[in-house]
């Protein structure tokens, strides 16, 4: 075989080998060196004292407007994860929230446990709520909070593909659905909130609404700034890797930096209890 033929065969072999996929198939493919976006968020690593305050299960015809008045007075934007049935009954409340700059997310039509439902049943729950929100606000939602925080990994994937939703959980849960009183709700939120927190609350309980003035004031006094969930996610930065001690006592080494949002777990990481049964 001639030298030129050997060089050609060797070159083809090199190209074929170099095009093989990486051995670690758990790492998602990335284009233009940009990290893949996580499917679910319960906390976001941010460079600054930013937090997202969220409210589930509304809108309430009586309580949500009171909360909107409070938020307007303090010039704070939050994210509402609304129940489709309630949107259909109170479209003007959702329209006002959107008009005043708050974010509206899907929380299903009737608050079922999505993880125990068929794909078609889940699809109906989400689609009806999506349409109700779009009818009330003129825009379709981009976020989903599954009721009870219950959703399977497979559901996350097909819902993200079909609806384009990011799945939003939480890391601070004051258990306000148990109605422990406004002071307890406030203390639990203030004590457990950290930079990047996604705070769970419900705008259908009077005690929660009563807790908000003191809660917001105390969080602001600690330097926290409020943003919507989508704004918080857009602020995500890589988390600095922690040094790993060498088994032989050599100089510590570090792992690979986490991609933006990759430190976010699929389940709450900082809640004071298990996920709220009324989340």
Protein backbone atom coordinates (compact mmCIF):
# COMPACT_ATOMS: atom_id res chain seq x y z
CA UNK A 1 0.00 0.00 0.00
CA UNK A 2 1.39 3.44 -0.92
CA UNK A 3 2.30 6.02 1.69
CA UNK A 4 -0.40 8.39 0.43
CA UNK A 5 -3.04 5.66 0.76
CA UNK A 6 -1.91 4.87 4.31
CA UNK A 7 -2.16 8.56 5.25
CA UNK A 8 -5.68 8.75 3.80
CA UNK A 9 -6.89 5.71 5.74
CA UNK A 10 -5.32 6.98 8.96
CA UNK A 11 -6.95 10.39 8.53
CA UNK A 12 -10.38 8.84 7.99
CA UNK A 13 -9.91 6.69 11.07
CA UNK A 14 -9.00 9.73 13.17
CA UNK A 15 -12.04 11.67 11.95
CA UNK A 16 -14.36 8.76 12.70
CA UNK A 17 -12.97 8.35 16.23
CA UNK A 18 -13.09 12.08 16.95
CA UNK A 19 -16.79 12.17 16.07
CA UNK A 20 -17.78 9.51 18.61
CA UNK A 21 -20.01 10.73 21.48
CA UNK A 22 -18.54 11.26 24.91
CA UNK A 23 -18.64 8.23 27.19
CA UNK A 24 -20.69 10.01 29.85
CA UNK A 25 -24.15 10.05 28.30
CA UNK A 26 -25.60 11.65 31.42
CA UNK A 27 -24.16 15.01 30.34
CA UNK A 28 -26.60 16.67 27.92
CA UNK A 29 -25.36 17.93 24.58
CA UNK A 30 -24.52 21.61 24.60
CA UNK A 31 -24.38 23.94 21.63
CA UNK A 32 -22.01 26.90 21.49
CA UNK A 33 -20.62 25.96 24.91
CA UNK A 34 -23.88 27.00 26.58
CA UNK A 35 -25.06 24.77 29.43
CA UNK A 36 -28.36 22.97 29.08
CA UNK A 37 -31.27 24.51 30.95
CA UNK A 38 -32.58 22.42 33.88
CA UNK A 39 -36.14 21.14 33.66
CA UNK A 40 -37.04 22.07 37.24
CA UNK A 41 -36.10 24.75 39.75
CA UNK A 42 -36.53 24.90 43.51
CA UNK A 43 -33.72 27.40 44.15
CA UNK A 44 -31.41 29.38 41.89
CA UNK A 45 -27.76 30.26 42.45
CA UNK A 46 -27.58 34.02 41.92
CA UNK A 47 -24.98 36.71 42.42
CA UNK A 48 -26.94 39.01 44.67
CA UNK A 49 -29.69 39.07 47.33
CA UNK A 50 -32.54 38.26 44.96
CA UNK A 51 -35.53 36.10 45.87
CA UNK A 52 -38.85 35.17 44.24
CA UNK A 53 -42.05 35.35 46.25
CA UNK A 54 -44.76 33.08 44.83
CA UNK A 55 -48.44 32.54 45.59
CA UNK A 56 -50.44 29.41 44.75
CA UNK A 57 -54.06 28.37 44.33
CA UNK A 58 -55.67 31.72 43.51
CA UNK A 59 -56.96 33.94 42.38
CA UNK A 60 -59.24 34.67 45.29
CA UNK A 61 -61.90 37.26 44.55
CA UNK A 62 -61.54 38.67 48.07
CA UNK A 63 -57.93 38.11 49.14
CA UNK A 64 -55.86 38.45 45.96
CA UNK A 65 -56.89 42.09 45.34
CA UNK A 66 -55.80 42.93 48.91
CA UNK A 67 -52.44 41.34 48.20
CA UNK A 68 -52.14 43.24 44.92
CA UNK A 69 -52.81 46.51 46.77
CA UNK A 70 -50.02 45.68 49.21
CA UNK A 71 -47.58 44.74 46.46
CA UNK A 72 -48.39 47.88 44.48
CA UNK A 73 -47.79 50.07 47.54
CA UNK A 74 -44.35 48.49 48.00
CA UNK A 75 -43.59 48.28 44.26
CA UNK A 76 -42.87 44.54 44.41
CA UNK A 77 -43.41 42.01 41.63
CA UNK A 78 -44.25 38.39 42.43
CA UNK A 79 -45.32 35.23 40.60
CA UNK A 80 -48.82 33.79 40.89
CA UNK A 81 -49.39 30.11 40.14
CA UNK A 82 -53.09 30.07 39.43
CA UNK A 83 -55.76 27.36 39.37
CA UNK A 84 -57.60 27.34 36.05
CA UNK A 85 -61.05 27.03 37.62
CA UNK A 86 -60.36 30.12 39.73
CA UNK A 87 -59.07 32.03 36.71
CA UNK A 88 -62.29 31.24 34.86
CA UNK A 89 -64.30 32.58 37.83
CA UNK A 90 -62.13 35.65 38.45
CA UNK A 91 -60.47 36.63 35.15
CA UNK A 92 -60.42 40.30 36.07
CA UNK A 93 -58.20 39.61 39.09
CA UNK A 94 -55.66 37.73 36.96
CA UNK A 95 -55.83 40.45 34.33
CA UNK A 96 -55.05 43.06 36.97
CA UNK A 97 -52.11 41.07 38.33
CA UNK A 98 -50.61 40.72 34.85
CA UNK A 99 -51.29 44.37 34.04
CA UNK A 100 -49.41 45.44 37.17
CA UNK A 101 -46.33 43.47 36.17
CA UNK A 102 -46.72 40.24 38.08
CA UNK A 103 -45.94 36.90 36.49
CA UNK A 104 -48.70 34.34 35.97
CA UNK A 105 -47.89 30.62 36.01
CA UNK A 106 -49.93 27.45 35.43
CA UNK A 107 -50.95 25.47 38.52
CA UNK A 108 -53.35 23.08 36.76
CA UNK A 109 -57.10 23.34 36.31
CA UNK A 110 -58.34 21.53 39.43
CA UNK A 111 -55.24 20.87 41.58
CA UNK A 112 -54.81 17.10 41.08
CA UNK A 113 -51.70 15.01 41.68
CA UNK A 114 -50.17 15.01 38.19
CA UNK A 115 -47.78 12.16 38.98
CA UNK A 116 -50.73 9.79 39.38
CA UNK A 117 -52.48 10.75 36.15
CA UNK A 118 -52.31 9.66 32.53
CA UNK A 119 -50.53 11.89 30.06
CA UNK A 120 -53.80 12.79 28.39
CA UNK A 121 -55.41 13.78 31.71
CA UNK A 122 -52.40 15.92 32.60
CA UNK A 123 -52.50 17.48 29.16
CA UNK A 124 -56.15 18.50 29.62
CA UNK A 125 -55.43 20.04 33.04
CA UNK A 126 -52.58 22.14 31.69
CA UNK A 127 -54.16 23.09 28.37
CA UNK A 128 -57.42 24.34 29.91
CA UNK A 129 -55.51 26.49 32.39
CA UNK A 130 -53.14 27.72 29.68
CA UNK A 131 -56.14 28.87 27.64
CA UNK A 132 -57.83 30.51 30.65
CA UNK A 133 -54.69 32.49 31.48
CA UNK A 134 -54.25 33.55 27.86
CA UNK A 135 -57.89 34.62 27.70
CA UNK A 136 -57.56 36.71 30.85
CA UNK A 137 -54.16 38.27 30.21
CA UNK A 138 -53.49 38.05 26.48
CA UNK A 139 -50.36 35.94 27.10
CA UNK A 140 -49.78 32.27 27.70
CA UNK A 141 -47.75 31.14 30.75
CA UNK A 142 -44.19 29.81 30.55
CA UNK A 143 -44.02 28.31 34.05
CA UNK A 144 -45.73 25.35 35.69
CA UNK A 145 -45.92 24.55 39.38
CA UNK A 146 -47.29 21.02 39.76
CA UNK A 147 -49.81 20.69 42.61
CA UNK A 148 -48.18 19.29 45.75
CA UNK A 149 -44.85 19.56 43.92
CA UNK A 150 -45.67 16.11 42.55
CA UNK A 151 -44.45 15.32 39.05
CA UNK A 152 -42.39 12.55 37.45
CA UNK A 153 -39.16 13.00 35.55
CA UNK A 154 -40.82 11.69 32.41
CA UNK A 155 -43.66 14.20 32.80
CA UNK A 156 -41.18 17.04 33.19
CA UNK A 157 -39.61 16.13 29.88
CA UNK A 158 -42.71 15.82 27.75
CA UNK A 159 -44.38 18.84 29.35
CA UNK A 160 -41.27 20.93 28.65
CA UNK A 161 -41.23 19.70 25.04
CA UNK A 162 -44.95 20.13 24.43
CA UNK A 163 -45.78 23.27 26.42
CA UNK A 164 -42.36 24.87 26.78
CA UNK A 165 -42.87 25.16 30.54
CA UNK A 166 -40.15 25.37 33.16
CA UNK A 167 -41.16 23.38 36.27
CA UNK A 168 -41.05 25.54 39.41
CA UNK A 169 -40.92 24.11 42.92
CA UNK A 170 -39.68 25.91 46.05
CA UNK A 171 -37.13 25.87 48.86
CA UNK A 172 -39.00 27.88 51.51
CA UNK A 173 -42.35 26.58 52.73
CA UNK A 174 -44.04 28.31 55.70
CA UNK A 175 -46.81 25.68 55.77
CA UNK A 176 -49.32 28.51 55.63
CA UNK A 177 -51.99 26.08 54.41
CA UNK A 178 -52.13 24.83 58.01
CA UNK A 179 -53.11 28.36 59.03
CA UNK A 180 -50.65 28.68 61.93
CA UNK A 181 -51.19 32.44 62.20
CA UNK A 182 -49.62 35.40 60.44
CA UNK A 183 -46.72 35.76 62.88
CA UNK A 184 -45.65 32.15 62.44
CA UNK A 185 -45.90 32.41 58.65
CA UNK A 186 -43.76 35.54 58.69
CA UNK A 187 -41.12 34.08 61.00
CA UNK A 188 -40.79 30.88 59.00
CA UNK A 189 -40.28 32.72 55.74
CA UNK A 190 -37.83 35.26 57.13
CA UNK A 191 -35.81 32.61 58.97
CA UNK A 192 -35.42 30.27 55.99
CA UNK A 193 -35.01 32.62 53.04
CA UNK A 194 -31.60 32.85 51.38
CA UNK A 195 -30.34 34.45 48.18
CA UNK A 196 -31.96 32.69 45.23
CA UNK A 197 -34.88 31.33 47.26
CA UNK A 198 -38.23 30.54 45.69
CA UNK A 199 -40.72 31.17 48.48
CA UNK A 200 -44.03 29.30 48.56
CA UNK A 201 -47.18 30.94 49.92
CA UNK A 202 -50.91 30.90 49.14
CA UNK A 203 -53.13 33.89 48.40
CA UNK A 204 -56.26 32.01 49.47
CA UNK A 205 -55.58 32.11 53.23
CA UNK A 206 -56.31 35.29 55.24
CA UNK A 207 -53.39 34.68 57.59
CA UNK A 208 -50.96 34.63 54.68
CA UNK A 209 -52.15 37.98 53.41
CA UNK A 210 -51.93 39.39 56.93
CA UNK A 211 -48.36 38.09 57.21
CA UNK A 212 -47.09 39.75 54.06
CA UNK A 213 -46.49 43.34 55.25
CA UNK A 214 -44.17 42.24 58.07
CA UNK A 215 -42.64 39.48 55.93
CA UNK A 216 -41.75 41.84 53.10
CA UNK A 217 -40.51 44.55 55.46
CA UNK A 218 -38.26 42.13 57.37
CA UNK A 219 -36.83 40.54 54.24
CA UNK A 220 -36.10 43.96 52.79
CA UNK A 221 -34.43 45.02 56.04
CA UNK A 222 -32.11 42.03 55.58
CA UNK A 223 -31.23 43.30 52.12
CA UNK A 224 -33.33 40.96 49.98
CA UNK A 225 -34.78 42.18 46.69
CA UNK A 226 -37.89 40.71 45.09
CA UNK A 227 -38.09 39.55 41.48
CA UNK A 228 -40.36 37.24 39.51
CA UNK A 229 -39.39 33.60 39.06
CA UNK A 230 -38.42 34.10 35.43
CA UNK A 231 -36.25 37.06 36.38
CA UNK A 232 -34.59 34.98 39.08
CA UNK A 233 -33.83 32.17 36.64
CA UNK A 234 -32.38 34.67 34.16
CA UNK A 235 -29.92 35.76 36.88
CA UNK A 236 -28.53 32.25 37.41
CA UNK A 237 -24.74 32.03 37.57
CA UNK A 238 -22.39 29.05 37.90
CA UNK A 239 -21.89 27.96 41.48
CA UNK A 240 -18.26 28.00 42.63
CA UNK A 241 -17.18 24.37 43.05
CA UNK A 242 -16.18 23.33 46.55
CA UNK A 243 -12.63 21.99 47.09
CA UNK A 244 -12.41 18.21 47.28
CA UNK A 245 -9.88 16.77 49.72
CA UNK A 246 -7.39 14.35 48.22
CA UNK A 247 -7.39 10.89 49.83
CA UNK A 248 -3.59 11.12 50.23
CA UNK A 249 -3.64 14.56 51.73
CA UNK A 250 -2.40 16.35 48.60
CA UNK A 251 -3.52 19.80 47.53
CA UNK A 252 -7.33 19.85 47.25
CA UNK A 253 -8.75 19.63 43.77
CA UNK A 254 -12.02 20.97 42.47
CA UNK A 255 -14.71 19.49 40.35
CA UNK A 256 -16.20 21.04 37.25
CA UNK A 257 -18.10 24.30 37.76
CA UNK A 258 -21.84 23.86 37.82
CA UNK A 259 -23.74 25.26 34.90
CA UNK A 260 -26.25 28.06 35.55
CA UNK A 261 -29.20 26.58 37.37
CA UNK A 262 -27.64 23.15 37.58
CA UNK A 263 -27.41 23.48 41.36
CA UNK A 264 -31.16 23.60 41.39
CA UNK A 265 -32.64 20.38 42.70
CA UNK A 266 -35.84 18.83 41.42
CA UNK A 267 -37.23 18.73 44.94
CA UNK A 268 -37.27 21.45 47.62
CA UNK A 269 -33.88 21.68 49.31
CA UNK A 270 -34.43 24.24 52.02
CA UNK A 271 -38.03 23.94 53.09
CA UNK A 272 -38.71 23.60 56.78
CA UNK A 273 -40.80 20.51 56.16
CA UNK A 274 -41.94 18.20 53.40
CA UNK A 275 -43.61 19.76 50.33
CA UNK A 276 -46.86 21.45 51.16
CA UNK A 277 -49.92 19.23 50.63
CA UNK A 278 -51.55 22.34 49.24
CA UNK A 279 -48.68 23.54 47.08
